[in-house]
N, C-alpha and C. Protein backbone atom coordinates (compact mmCIF):
# COMPACT_ATOMS: atom_id res chain seq x y z
N THR A 1 -83.89 -41.26 1.29
CA THR A 1 -82.71 -40.96 1.77
C THR A 1 -82.59 -39.68 1.86
N GLY A 2 -83.96 -38.79 1.87
CA GLY A 2 -83.78 -37.29 1.91
C GLY A 2 -82.92 -36.96 3.25
N VAL A 3 -83.18 -37.53 4.78
CA VAL A 3 -82.99 -37.19 5.72
C VAL A 3 -81.37 -37.22 5.06
N GLN A 4 -80.70 -38.81 4.87
CA GLN A 4 -79.01 -38.97 4.21
C GLN A 4 -78.49 -37.45 3.94
N THR A 5 -79.20 -36.94 2.45
CA THR A 5 -78.96 -36.00 1.81
C THR A 5 -78.69 -34.94 2.42
N CYS A 6 -79.54 -34.50 3.22
CA CYS A 6 -79.92 -33.48 4.56
C CYS A 6 -78.23 -33.06 5.13
N ALA A 7 -77.88 -33.99 5.70
CA ALA A 7 -77.08 -33.57 6.40
C ALA A 7 -75.31 -33.55 6.42
N LEU A 8 -75.61 -34.18 4.79
CA LEU A 8 -74.55 -34.46 3.68
C LEU A 8 -73.58 -32.90 3.54
N PRO A 9 -74.50 -31.73 3.48
CA PRO A 9 -73.85 -30.78 3.10
C PRO A 9 -73.16 -29.64 4.69
N ILE A 10 -74.00 -30.07 5.60
CA ILE A 10 -73.11 -29.75 6.77
C ILE A 10 -72.00 -30.62 6.97
N SER A 11 -71.79 -32.16 7.20
CA SER A 11 -70.94 -32.78 7.60
C SER A 11 -69.59 -32.32 6.23
N LEU A 12 -70.45 -32.13 4.89
CA LEU A 12 -68.49 -31.53 4.01
C LEU A 12 -68.33 -30.23 4.48
N GLU A 13 -69.17 -29.18 4.84
CA GLU A 13 -68.83 -28.31 5.01
C GLU A 13 -68.28 -27.93 6.79
N GLN A 14 -68.13 -29.26 7.54
CA GLN A 14 -67.61 -29.17 8.99
C GLN A 14 -66.00 -29.47 8.35
N GLY A 15 -65.75 -29.94 7.06
CA GLY A 15 -64.74 -30.49 7.21
C GLY A 15 -63.76 -29.72 5.90
N LEU A 16 -63.97 -29.08 5.12
CA LEU A 16 -63.89 -28.49 4.06
C LEU A 16 -64.65 -27.14 3.99
N GLU A 17 -63.52 -25.98 3.93
CA GLU A 17 -64.08 -24.67 3.15
C GLU A 17 -65.53 -24.38 1.66
N VAL A 18 -66.32 -24.51 2.12
CA VAL A 18 -66.62 -25.01 0.55
C VAL A 18 -67.69 -23.34 0.25
N HIS A 19 -66.81 -22.66 -1.20
CA HIS A 19 -67.83 -21.62 -1.50
C HIS A 19 -69.20 -21.87 -2.08
N PHE A 20 -69.16 -23.35 -3.07
CA PHE A 20 -70.43 -23.19 -3.75
C PHE A 20 -70.23 -25.19 -3.41
N LEU A 21 -71.78 -25.15 -3.03
CA LEU A 21 -72.15 -27.07 -3.36
C LEU A 21 -73.62 -27.24 -3.70
N GLN A 22 -73.52 -27.84 -5.24
CA GLN A 22 -74.35 -28.62 -5.59
C GLN A 22 -74.41 -29.69 -5.39
N ILE A 23 -75.87 -30.67 -4.67
CA ILE A 23 -75.76 -32.08 -4.48
C ILE A 23 -76.77 -32.92 -5.36
N GLU A 24 -77.26 -33.42 -6.54
CA GLU A 24 -77.72 -34.14 -6.85
C GLU A 24 -78.58 -35.32 -6.49
N ASP A 25 -79.45 -36.22 -6.30
CA ASP A 25 -79.58 -37.22 -5.84
C ASP A 25 -80.03 -38.15 -7.01
N GLN A 26 -78.94 -39.18 -7.49
CA GLN A 26 -79.37 -39.84 -9.03
C GLN A 26 -79.84 -40.88 -8.83
N GLY A 27 -80.70 -41.40 -7.68
CA GLY A 27 -80.90 -42.94 -7.24
C GLY A 27 -82.29 -43.09 -8.14
N HIS A 28 -82.94 -41.92 -8.51
CA HIS A 28 -83.64 -42.70 -9.50
C HIS A 28 -83.55 -42.97 -11.40
N LEU A 29 -82.07 -42.97 -11.41
CA LEU A 29 -81.51 -43.63 -12.45
C LEU A 29 -80.87 -44.33 -12.63
N HIS A 30 -81.28 -45.01 -10.65
CA HIS A 30 -81.02 -46.52 -10.29
C HIS A 30 -81.77 -47.31 -9.73
N ALA A 31 -83.51 -47.17 -9.92
CA ALA A 31 -84.47 -47.44 -9.45
C ALA A 31 -84.54 -48.93 -9.75
N GLY A 32 -84.71 -49.93 -8.78
CA GLY A 32 -84.90 -51.43 -9.28
C GLY A 32 -83.18 -52.43 -8.94
N HIS A 33 -82.74 -51.57 -9.28
CA HIS A 33 -81.29 -51.74 -8.63
C HIS A 33 -81.07 -52.36 -6.99
N LYS A 34 -80.12 -53.46 -6.89
CA LYS A 34 -80.24 -53.46 -6.01
C LYS A 34 -79.58 -52.74 -4.50
N PRO A 35 -78.56 -51.93 -5.04
CA PRO A 35 -78.45 -50.85 -3.91
C PRO A 35 -79.28 -49.73 -4.00
N ALA A 36 -79.80 -49.46 -4.62
CA ALA A 36 -81.25 -49.00 -4.34
C ALA A 36 -81.67 -49.52 -3.67
N LYS A 37 -82.54 -50.71 -3.91
CA LYS A 37 -83.98 -51.20 -2.99
C LYS A 37 -83.01 -51.27 -1.68
N GLU A 38 -81.72 -51.40 -0.99
CA GLU A 38 -80.89 -51.55 0.43
C GLU A 38 -80.96 -49.91 0.73
N GLY A 39 -81.32 -48.58 -0.19
CA GLY A 39 -80.85 -47.51 0.63
C GLY A 39 -79.83 -46.80 0.28
N LYS A 40 -79.48 -47.55 -0.85
CA LYS A 40 -77.97 -46.59 -0.89
C LYS A 40 -78.02 -45.92 -1.92
N LEU A 41 -77.06 -44.81 -1.19
CA LEU A 41 -76.83 -43.51 -2.64
C LEU A 41 -75.99 -43.33 -3.79
N HIS A 42 -76.79 -42.74 -4.70
CA HIS A 42 -76.16 -42.75 -6.04
C HIS A 42 -76.35 -40.41 -6.42
N LEU A 43 -75.14 -40.17 -5.99
CA LEU A 43 -75.01 -39.26 -5.66
C LEU A 43 -74.32 -38.25 -6.72
N LYS A 44 -74.39 -36.92 -7.43
CA LYS A 44 -73.48 -36.29 -7.98
C LYS A 44 -73.18 -35.23 -7.23
N MET A 45 -72.18 -34.99 -6.93
CA MET A 45 -71.60 -32.96 -6.37
C MET A 45 -70.89 -32.54 -7.16
N LEU A 46 -70.90 -31.30 -7.01
CA LEU A 46 -70.26 -30.39 -7.23
C LEU A 46 -69.97 -29.23 -6.54
N VAL A 47 -69.02 -29.22 -6.23
CA VAL A 47 -68.00 -28.92 -4.99
C VAL A 47 -66.73 -27.68 -4.79
N VAL A 48 -67.34 -26.60 -5.09
CA VAL A 48 -66.28 -25.43 -5.06
C VAL A 48 -65.78 -25.22 -4.07
N SER A 49 -64.16 -25.17 -3.78
CA SER A 49 -63.23 -24.61 -2.44
C SER A 49 -62.28 -24.52 -2.88
N ASP A 50 -61.49 -23.33 -2.49
CA ASP A 50 -60.36 -23.15 -2.95
C ASP A 50 -59.37 -23.55 -1.78
N GLU A 51 -60.02 -24.79 -1.26
CA GLU A 51 -58.52 -25.60 -0.52
C GLU A 51 -58.48 -26.78 -1.84
N PHE A 52 -59.18 -26.70 -2.64
CA PHE A 52 -58.69 -27.38 -4.28
C PHE A 52 -57.26 -26.92 -4.91
N LEU A 53 -56.96 -26.13 -4.49
CA LEU A 53 -56.13 -24.86 -5.17
C LEU A 53 -54.28 -26.09 -5.12
N GLY A 54 -53.76 -26.39 -6.22
CA GLY A 54 -52.83 -26.99 -6.11
C GLY A 54 -52.88 -28.06 -5.92
N LEU A 55 -54.33 -29.08 -6.06
CA LEU A 55 -54.44 -30.49 -6.16
C LEU A 55 -54.68 -30.83 -7.23
N ASN A 56 -54.76 -31.91 -8.11
CA ASN A 56 -54.84 -32.87 -9.03
C ASN A 56 -56.36 -33.54 -8.76
N GLN A 57 -56.96 -33.58 -9.69
CA GLN A 57 -58.71 -34.60 -9.64
C GLN A 57 -58.41 -35.63 -8.71
N ILE A 58 -57.43 -36.11 -8.09
CA ILE A 58 -57.87 -37.14 -7.74
C ILE A 58 -57.85 -37.23 -6.12
N GLU A 59 -56.01 -35.85 -6.22
CA GLU A 59 -56.60 -35.36 -4.98
C GLU A 59 -57.31 -34.61 -4.09
N ARG A 60 -58.40 -34.05 -5.05
CA ARG A 60 -59.63 -33.61 -4.57
C ARG A 60 -60.45 -34.47 -4.24
N HIS A 61 -60.86 -35.23 -5.03
CA HIS A 61 -61.38 -36.37 -4.96
C HIS A 61 -61.02 -37.42 -2.91
N GLN A 62 -59.93 -37.17 -3.48
CA GLN A 62 -59.83 -37.65 -1.85
C GLN A 62 -60.38 -37.21 -0.56
N LYS A 63 -59.89 -35.55 -1.06
CA LYS A 63 -60.03 -34.53 0.13
C LYS A 63 -61.93 -34.88 0.78
N ILE A 64 -62.63 -34.73 -0.40
CA ILE A 64 -64.10 -35.11 -0.07
C ILE A 64 -64.32 -36.29 0.42
N TYR A 65 -63.50 -37.58 -0.14
CA TYR A 65 -64.21 -38.92 0.78
C TYR A 65 -63.46 -39.26 1.74
N PHE A 66 -62.02 -38.43 2.23
CA PHE A 66 -61.47 -38.60 3.70
C PHE A 66 -62.65 -37.95 4.11
N VAL A 67 -63.44 -36.51 4.09
CA VAL A 67 -63.90 -35.52 5.21
C VAL A 67 -65.31 -36.42 5.60
N LEU A 68 -65.75 -37.07 3.62
CA LEU A 68 -67.44 -37.44 4.24
C LEU A 68 -67.28 -38.94 4.80
N ALA A 69 -65.80 -39.69 5.11
CA ALA A 69 -65.56 -41.26 5.01
C ALA A 69 -66.50 -41.13 6.30
N LYS A 70 -66.90 -40.93 7.08
CA LYS A 70 -67.81 -41.73 8.71
C LYS A 70 -69.26 -41.83 7.80
N PHE A 71 -69.85 -39.98 7.91
CA PHE A 71 -70.97 -40.25 7.72
C PHE A 71 -71.57 -41.36 6.12
N LEU A 72 -70.71 -41.44 5.16
CA LEU A 72 -71.33 -42.15 3.79
C LEU A 72 -70.63 -43.15 3.84
N ALA A 73 -69.84 -44.02 4.81
CA ALA A 73 -69.43 -45.06 5.09
C ALA A 73 -70.24 -46.61 4.42
N ASP A 74 -71.34 -46.64 4.97
CA ASP A 74 -72.51 -47.37 4.19
C ASP A 74 -74.16 -47.06 4.00
N LYS A 75 -73.78 -45.59 3.43
CA LYS A 75 -74.65 -44.92 2.93
C LYS A 75 -74.91 -45.29 1.56
N LEU A 76 -73.39 -44.78 0.35
CA LEU A 76 -73.20 -44.29 -0.43
C LEU A 76 -72.89 -45.76 -1.45
N HIS A 77 -73.73 -45.64 -2.50
CA HIS A 77 -73.06 -46.66 -3.89
C HIS A 77 -72.33 -46.19 -4.65
N ALA A 78 -72.62 -44.88 -4.94
CA ALA A 78 -71.87 -44.28 -6.12
C ALA A 78 -72.00 -42.81 -6.04
N LEU A 79 -70.74 -42.65 -6.04
CA LEU A 79 -70.62 -40.89 -6.14
C LEU A 79 -70.15 -40.77 -7.05
N SER A 80 -70.30 -39.35 -8.29
CA SER A 80 -70.48 -38.61 -9.27
C SER A 80 -69.27 -36.96 -8.45
N LEU A 81 -68.01 -36.74 -8.96
CA LEU A 81 -67.43 -35.71 -8.42
C LEU A 81 -67.40 -34.29 -9.43
N GLU A 82 -67.91 -33.66 -9.34
CA GLU A 82 -66.81 -32.63 -10.40
C GLU A 82 -66.23 -31.47 -9.34
N THR A 83 -64.93 -31.14 -9.09
CA THR A 83 -64.43 -30.29 -8.23
C THR A 83 -63.74 -28.79 -8.81
N TYR A 84 -63.76 -28.02 -8.51
CA TYR A 84 -63.28 -26.88 -8.91
C TYR A 84 -63.01 -25.89 -7.63
N SER A 85 -61.68 -25.18 -7.91
CA SER A 85 -61.60 -24.01 -7.34
C SER A 85 -62.35 -22.91 -7.65
N VAL A 86 -62.72 -21.25 -7.00
CA VAL A 86 -63.42 -20.55 -7.05
C VAL A 86 -63.01 -19.54 -8.54
N ASP A 87 -61.99 -19.33 -8.40
CA ASP A 87 -61.53 -19.07 -10.17
C ASP A 87 -61.42 -19.57 -11.20
N GLU A 88 -61.63 -21.38 -11.32
CA GLU A 88 -61.97 -22.34 -12.09
C GLU A 88 -63.20 -22.53 -12.45
N TYR A 89 -64.23 -22.44 -11.29
CA TYR A 89 -65.81 -22.78 -11.59
C TYR A 89 -66.10 -20.98 -11.96
N ASN A 90 -65.22 -20.24 -11.73
CA ASN A 90 -66.12 -18.50 -12.30
C ASN A 90 -65.84 -18.39 -13.97
N SER A 91 -64.42 -19.28 -14.40
CA SER A 91 -64.53 -19.34 -15.73
C SER A 91 -64.85 -20.33 -16.56
N LEU A 92 -65.97 -20.65 -15.48
CA LEU A 92 -66.61 -21.60 -16.97
C LEU A 92 -67.43 -20.99 -17.76
C-alpha cells in the first residue's frame, strides 16, 4: 500500500489548496480483516486548508471525497478525517 498512499498527497493537492497534510496508514490495526487482505487502505488524514472556511464538517469531508474520488475508487476501505482551516488548526 506504500505506493498508493505516496500518490495521495499529490492527488489531494491538485484539487485543494492544502496548508498542511498528515496521512497515517492504519492498515496494521486491521491486519487479518478481509479488506486488508484485499489490499484496501485504512487511512487517517489531517487536512488543513482555508478552502474549508464557511463549510461544516460534512461539507469538508464531501470536498475531500470529491477531490479523491477517482484515486480512491477501489483502494479505500476506511478513511478517518480531521479537517481544519488554518486559523482553527493554529488555535489547537
